[in-house]
Amino acid sequence: MYNESPLLEKSLKFAARIVKLYQYLVNEKKESIISKQIIRSGTSIGANANEAAYGVSQADFTSKLQISLKETAETEYWLRLLVMSGYIDEAQGNSMISDCLEIKRILIASLKTAKDKKQ
C-alpha cells in the first residue's frame, strides 16, 4: 500500500525524520517541551493518513485526512519555532518544513478530491 500512495510513503519517511529530530533535541539540546509536541504531531500525520486509507466510510476517510492536515499545520508551527529559537539550524529546518508543506499540499488535494466525489 505504501508504494501505491505518495501520501503514506512521504508521511512515513517524514515521521522517521521527526523521530530522529526528537532524539537530537532530547539528547543533544536537552530540550523536553517542544520535542514532545513535535513528536506527537509529526508522527500523527502519517498515523491518521494510514487510518484514513482503511476508513469504513467516506466520512471516516475525510475526517482522518482532516486530522492529518491539522497535525501537519501544528508540526509546521513547531518546526518554525525550533528554527527561530535556534534549536535547529535554518537548513535543517527548511528541509523539514519543505517536506511538511509537500505533505500538506497532498492532503489538501486529497480532501478536495474526496469532497468532489461526495457531491
N, C-alpha and C. Protein backbone atom coordinates (compact mmCIF):
# COMPACT_ATOMS: atom_id res chain seq x y z
N MET A 1 0.81 -1.19 0.00
CA MET A 1 0.00 0.00 0.00
C MET A 1 0.86 1.26 0.00
N TYR A 2 1.99 1.25 0.74
CA TYR A 2 2.84 2.43 0.83
C TYR A 2 3.43 2.79 -0.53
N ASN A 3 3.75 1.77 -1.34
CA ASN A 3 4.31 2.04 -2.66
C ASN A 3 3.28 2.67 -3.58
N GLU A 4 2.00 2.43 -3.31
CA GLU A 4 0.93 2.95 -4.16
C GLU A 4 0.48 4.34 -3.74
N SER A 5 0.81 4.76 -2.54
CA SER A 5 0.32 6.03 -2.01
C SER A 5 1.47 6.97 -1.66
N PRO A 6 1.63 8.02 -2.46
CA PRO A 6 2.67 9.01 -2.13
C PRO A 6 2.46 9.62 -0.74
N LEU A 7 1.20 9.82 -0.35
CA LEU A 7 0.92 10.39 0.97
C LEU A 7 1.42 9.48 2.08
N LEU A 8 1.10 8.20 2.00
CA LEU A 8 1.54 7.28 3.05
C LEU A 8 3.05 7.14 3.08
N GLU A 9 3.66 7.05 1.91
CA GLU A 9 5.12 6.92 1.82
C GLU A 9 5.81 8.17 2.38
N LYS A 10 5.40 9.34 1.94
CA LYS A 10 6.04 10.58 2.38
C LYS A 10 5.79 10.84 3.87
N SER A 11 4.60 10.55 4.35
CA SER A 11 4.32 10.80 5.76
C SER A 11 5.08 9.83 6.66
N LEU A 12 5.31 8.60 6.21
CA LEU A 12 6.11 7.65 6.98
C LEU A 12 7.58 8.11 7.04
N LYS A 13 8.12 8.50 5.91
CA LYS A 13 9.51 9.00 5.89
C LYS A 13 9.65 10.26 6.73
N PHE A 14 8.64 11.13 6.67
CA PHE A 14 8.65 12.35 7.46
C PHE A 14 8.61 12.00 8.96
N ALA A 15 7.80 11.04 9.33
CA ALA A 15 7.72 10.62 10.73
C ALA A 15 9.07 10.10 11.22
N ALA A 16 9.78 9.37 10.36
CA ALA A 16 11.11 8.88 10.74
C ALA A 16 12.07 10.05 10.98
N ARG A 17 11.96 11.09 10.15
CA ARG A 17 12.78 12.29 10.35
C ARG A 17 12.42 12.98 11.66
N ILE A 18 11.14 13.00 11.97
CA ILE A 18 10.66 13.62 13.21
C ILE A 18 11.21 12.86 14.42
N VAL A 19 11.22 11.53 14.35
CA VAL A 19 11.76 10.72 15.45
C VAL A 19 13.24 11.04 15.65
N LYS A 20 13.99 11.16 14.56
CA LYS A 20 15.41 11.50 14.66
C LYS A 20 15.59 12.90 15.23
N LEU A 21 14.73 13.83 14.82
CA LEU A 21 14.78 15.19 15.35
C LEU A 21 14.50 15.18 16.85
N TYR A 22 13.50 14.41 17.24
CA TYR A 22 13.17 14.28 18.67
C TYR A 22 14.38 13.79 19.46
N GLN A 23 15.03 12.74 18.96
CA GLN A 23 16.19 12.19 19.65
C GLN A 23 17.31 13.24 19.77
N TYR A 24 17.52 13.99 18.70
CA TYR A 24 18.53 15.05 18.70
C TYR A 24 18.18 16.13 19.73
N LEU A 25 16.93 16.56 19.72
CA LEU A 25 16.52 17.62 20.65
C LEU A 25 16.68 17.18 22.11
N VAL A 26 16.29 15.96 22.40
CA VAL A 26 16.36 15.45 23.77
C VAL A 26 17.80 15.16 24.20
N ASN A 27 18.54 14.47 23.34
CA ASN A 27 19.89 14.03 23.71
C ASN A 27 20.95 15.12 23.59
N GLU A 28 20.89 15.89 22.52
CA GLU A 28 21.93 16.89 22.26
C GLU A 28 21.60 18.27 22.83
N LYS A 29 20.36 18.68 22.67
CA LYS A 29 19.96 20.02 23.08
C LYS A 29 19.31 20.06 24.47
N LYS A 30 19.03 18.89 25.01
CA LYS A 30 18.40 18.77 26.33
C LYS A 30 17.06 19.52 26.38
N GLU A 31 16.34 19.49 25.27
CA GLU A 31 15.05 20.17 25.16
C GLU A 31 13.97 19.13 25.38
N SER A 32 12.97 19.43 26.21
CA SER A 32 11.98 18.40 26.53
C SER A 32 10.53 18.83 26.32
N ILE A 33 10.28 20.08 26.03
CA ILE A 33 8.89 20.53 25.90
C ILE A 33 8.45 20.53 24.43
N ILE A 34 9.15 21.28 23.60
CA ILE A 34 8.78 21.34 22.17
C ILE A 34 8.97 19.98 21.52
N SER A 35 10.00 19.25 21.95
CA SER A 35 10.27 17.94 21.36
C SER A 35 9.10 16.99 21.56
N LYS A 36 8.44 17.06 22.72
CA LYS A 36 7.26 16.21 22.96
C LYS A 36 6.09 16.62 22.07
N GLN A 37 5.97 17.90 21.83
CA GLN A 37 4.89 18.39 20.97
C GLN A 37 5.11 17.93 19.52
N ILE A 38 6.34 18.09 19.04
CA ILE A 38 6.60 17.78 17.63
C ILE A 38 6.60 16.28 17.35
N ILE A 39 7.01 15.47 18.32
CA ILE A 39 6.96 14.02 18.10
C ILE A 39 5.51 13.57 18.00
N ARG A 40 4.65 14.17 18.81
CA ARG A 40 3.23 13.80 18.79
C ARG A 40 2.58 14.24 17.47
N SER A 41 2.74 15.50 17.12
CA SER A 41 2.07 15.99 15.90
C SER A 41 2.71 15.44 14.63
N GLY A 42 4.04 15.37 14.60
CA GLY A 42 4.74 14.94 13.39
C GLY A 42 4.53 13.48 13.03
N THR A 43 4.36 12.62 14.04
CA THR A 43 4.10 11.22 13.75
C THR A 43 2.61 10.94 13.57
N SER A 44 1.78 11.82 14.07
CA SER A 44 0.34 11.67 13.95
C SER A 44 -0.14 11.88 12.51
N ILE A 45 0.61 12.66 11.73
CA ILE A 45 0.23 12.92 10.34
C ILE A 45 0.05 11.61 9.59
N GLY A 46 1.08 10.80 9.59
CA GLY A 46 1.05 9.53 8.88
C GLY A 46 0.13 8.51 9.50
N ALA A 47 0.05 8.52 10.83
CA ALA A 47 -0.83 7.57 11.51
C ALA A 47 -2.27 7.81 11.11
N ASN A 48 -2.69 9.06 11.06
CA ASN A 48 -4.07 9.37 10.66
C ASN A 48 -4.30 9.15 9.17
N ALA A 49 -3.30 9.43 8.36
CA ALA A 49 -3.43 9.17 6.92
C ALA A 49 -3.57 7.66 6.69
N ASN A 50 -2.82 6.88 7.44
CA ASN A 50 -2.92 5.43 7.33
C ASN A 50 -4.30 4.94 7.77
N GLU A 51 -4.81 5.50 8.85
CA GLU A 51 -6.16 5.16 9.29
C GLU A 51 -7.19 5.53 8.22
N ALA A 52 -6.99 6.67 7.58
CA ALA A 52 -7.91 7.10 6.53
C ALA A 52 -7.97 6.10 5.39
N ALA A 53 -6.82 5.54 5.07
CA ALA A 53 -6.77 4.56 3.98
C ALA A 53 -7.63 3.34 4.27
N TYR A 54 -7.88 3.09 5.54
CA TYR A 54 -8.70 1.95 5.94
C TYR A 54 -10.03 2.40 6.55
N GLY A 55 -10.42 3.62 6.22
CA GLY A 55 -11.67 4.15 6.74
C GLY A 55 -12.87 3.30 6.35
N VAL A 56 -13.86 3.27 7.23
CA VAL A 56 -15.03 2.43 7.00
C VAL A 56 -16.09 3.15 6.15
N SER A 57 -15.91 4.45 5.97
CA SER A 57 -16.85 5.21 5.16
C SER A 57 -16.13 6.43 4.58
N GLN A 58 -16.79 7.10 3.67
CA GLN A 58 -16.23 8.32 3.08
C GLN A 58 -16.05 9.39 4.17
N ALA A 59 -17.03 9.47 5.09
CA ALA A 59 -16.95 10.44 6.18
C ALA A 59 -15.76 10.13 7.09
N ASP A 60 -15.53 8.86 7.38
CA ASP A 60 -14.40 8.44 8.21
C ASP A 60 -13.08 8.79 7.51
N PHE A 61 -13.00 8.49 6.23
CA PHE A 61 -11.82 8.80 5.42
C PHE A 61 -11.52 10.30 5.47
N THR A 62 -12.52 11.12 5.22
CA THR A 62 -12.35 12.57 5.20
C THR A 62 -11.96 13.10 6.57
N SER A 63 -12.58 12.57 7.60
CA SER A 63 -12.29 13.01 8.97
C SER A 63 -10.83 12.74 9.33
N LYS A 64 -10.33 11.57 9.01
CA LYS A 64 -8.94 11.23 9.33
C LYS A 64 -7.95 12.09 8.53
N LEU A 65 -8.28 12.35 7.26
CA LEU A 65 -7.41 13.23 6.48
C LEU A 65 -7.41 14.64 7.03
N GLN A 66 -8.57 15.10 7.51
CA GLN A 66 -8.67 16.43 8.11
C GLN A 66 -7.81 16.52 9.37
N ILE A 67 -7.80 15.46 10.16
CA ILE A 67 -6.94 15.43 11.35
C ILE A 67 -5.47 15.47 10.93
N SER A 68 -5.12 14.72 9.88
CA SER A 68 -3.74 14.75 9.37
C SER A 68 -3.34 16.15 8.95
N LEU A 69 -4.26 16.85 8.30
CA LEU A 69 -3.98 18.22 7.86
C LEU A 69 -3.74 19.14 9.06
N LYS A 70 -4.55 19.01 10.08
CA LYS A 70 -4.37 19.82 11.29
C LYS A 70 -3.03 19.52 11.95
N GLU A 71 -2.66 18.26 12.01
CA GLU A 71 -1.39 17.87 12.61
C GLU A 71 -0.21 18.39 11.78
N THR A 72 -0.40 18.45 10.47
CA THR A 72 0.64 19.00 9.59
C THR A 72 0.86 20.48 9.89
N ALA A 73 -0.24 21.22 10.04
CA ALA A 73 -0.13 22.64 10.36
C ALA A 73 0.56 22.84 11.71
N GLU A 74 0.23 22.01 12.69
CA GLU A 74 0.86 22.12 14.01
C GLU A 74 2.35 21.80 13.92
N THR A 75 2.70 20.77 13.18
CA THR A 75 4.10 20.38 13.03
C THR A 75 4.90 21.49 12.35
N GLU A 76 4.31 22.10 11.34
CA GLU A 76 4.96 23.21 10.65
C GLU A 76 5.26 24.33 11.66
N TYR A 77 4.31 24.62 12.51
CA TYR A 77 4.50 25.65 13.54
C TYR A 77 5.69 25.31 14.44
N TRP A 78 5.73 24.07 14.95
CA TRP A 78 6.82 23.68 15.85
C TRP A 78 8.17 23.74 15.14
N LEU A 79 8.21 23.33 13.88
CA LEU A 79 9.46 23.40 13.12
C LEU A 79 9.93 24.84 12.97
N ARG A 80 9.01 25.72 12.64
CA ARG A 80 9.38 27.15 12.51
C ARG A 80 9.87 27.70 13.85
N LEU A 81 9.23 27.31 14.93
CA LEU A 81 9.66 27.77 16.26
C LEU A 81 11.04 27.24 16.61
N LEU A 82 11.31 25.98 16.28
CA LEU A 82 12.63 25.41 16.55
C LEU A 82 13.73 26.15 15.80
N VAL A 83 13.44 26.57 14.56
CA VAL A 83 14.42 27.35 13.79
C VAL A 83 14.59 28.73 14.43
N MET A 84 13.49 29.39 14.70
CA MET A 84 13.54 30.75 15.25
C MET A 84 14.22 30.80 16.62
N SER A 85 14.07 29.74 17.39
CA SER A 85 14.67 29.72 18.73
C SER A 85 16.09 29.17 18.74
N GLY A 86 16.58 28.73 17.58
CA GLY A 86 17.96 28.28 17.47
C GLY A 86 18.22 26.84 17.87
N TYR A 87 17.16 26.06 18.08
CA TYR A 87 17.36 24.66 18.43
C TYR A 87 17.82 23.83 17.23
N ILE A 88 17.37 24.21 16.03
CA ILE A 88 17.86 23.56 14.81
C ILE A 88 18.28 24.65 13.84
N ASP A 89 19.25 24.31 12.98
CA ASP A 89 19.72 25.33 12.05
C ASP A 89 18.72 25.52 10.91
N GLU A 90 18.86 26.61 10.24
CA GLU A 90 17.90 27.00 9.20
C GLU A 90 17.84 25.99 8.06
N ALA A 91 18.98 25.45 7.66
CA ALA A 91 18.98 24.47 6.56
C ALA A 91 18.19 23.22 6.92
N GLN A 92 18.42 22.69 8.11
CA GLN A 92 17.69 21.50 8.56
C GLN A 92 16.21 21.83 8.70
N GLY A 93 15.91 22.97 9.30
CA GLY A 93 14.52 23.37 9.49
C GLY A 93 13.80 23.56 8.17
N ASN A 94 14.44 24.24 7.23
CA ASN A 94 13.81 24.48 5.94
C ASN A 94 13.57 23.19 5.17
N SER A 95 14.48 22.24 5.29
CA SER A 95 14.31 20.95 4.64
C SER A 95 13.09 20.22 5.20
N MET A 96 12.95 20.24 6.51
CA MET A 96 11.82 19.56 7.14
C MET A 96 10.51 20.31 6.88
N ILE A 97 10.57 21.64 6.89
CA ILE A 97 9.37 22.44 6.58
C ILE A 97 8.93 22.18 5.15
N SER A 98 9.88 22.07 4.24
CA SER A 98 9.56 21.77 2.85
C SER A 98 8.83 20.43 2.72
N ASP A 99 9.33 19.42 3.42
CA ASP A 99 8.66 18.11 3.41
C ASP A 99 7.26 18.21 3.99
N CYS A 100 7.15 18.96 5.06
CA CYS A 100 5.85 19.15 5.73
C CYS A 100 4.85 19.83 4.79
N LEU A 101 5.32 20.86 4.08
CA LEU A 101 4.45 21.58 3.15
C LEU A 101 4.05 20.71 1.97
N GLU A 102 4.94 19.83 1.54
CA GLU A 102 4.60 18.90 0.46
C GLU A 102 3.48 17.95 0.90
N ILE A 103 3.60 17.44 2.11
CA ILE A 103 2.54 16.57 2.65
C ILE A 103 1.24 17.36 2.78
N LYS A 104 1.34 18.60 3.22
CA LYS A 104 0.16 19.46 3.36
C LYS A 104 -0.55 19.63 2.01
N ARG A 105 0.21 19.85 0.95
CA ARG A 105 -0.38 20.01 -0.39
C ARG A 105 -1.08 18.72 -0.83
N ILE A 106 -0.48 17.58 -0.56
CA ILE A 106 -1.09 16.30 -0.92
C ILE A 106 -2.40 16.11 -0.15
N LEU A 107 -2.38 16.44 1.14
CA LEU A 107 -3.58 16.31 1.96
C LEU A 107 -4.70 17.23 1.47
N ILE A 108 -4.36 18.45 1.14
CA ILE A 108 -5.37 19.40 0.64
C ILE A 108 -5.97 18.89 -0.66
N ALA A 109 -5.12 18.39 -1.56
CA ALA A 109 -5.62 17.85 -2.83
C ALA A 109 -6.49 16.62 -2.60
N SER A 110 -6.08 15.76 -1.67
CA SER A 110 -6.86 14.56 -1.37
C SER A 110 -8.22 14.92 -0.78
N LEU A 111 -8.24 15.89 0.10
CA LEU A 111 -9.51 16.33 0.69
C LEU A 111 -10.42 16.96 -0.36
N LYS A 112 -9.83 17.72 -1.26
CA LYS A 112 -10.63 18.33 -2.34
C LYS A 112 -11.24 17.24 -3.22
N THR A 113 -10.45 16.24 -3.57
CA THR A 113 -10.94 15.12 -4.38
C THR A 113 -12.05 14.38 -3.65
N ALA A 114 -11.86 14.15 -2.36
CA ALA A 114 -12.86 13.45 -1.56
C ALA A 114 -14.17 14.26 -1.51
N LYS A 115 -14.06 15.56 -1.38
CA LYS A 115 -15.26 16.41 -1.34
C LYS A 115 -15.95 16.44 -2.69
N ASP A 116 -15.15 16.46 -3.77
CA ASP A 116 -15.72 16.45 -5.13
C ASP A 116 -16.48 15.15 -5.40
N LYS A 117 -15.94 14.04 -4.90
CA LYS A 117 -16.60 12.73 -5.08
C LYS A 117 -17.92 12.68 -4.32
N LYS A 118 -17.94 13.37 -3.18
CA LYS A 118 -19.13 13.37 -2.33
C LYS A 118 -20.29 14.09 -3.01
N GLN A 119 -20.00 15.07 -3.84
CA GLN A 119 -21.04 15.89 -4.47
C GLN A 119 -21.60 15.26 -5.70
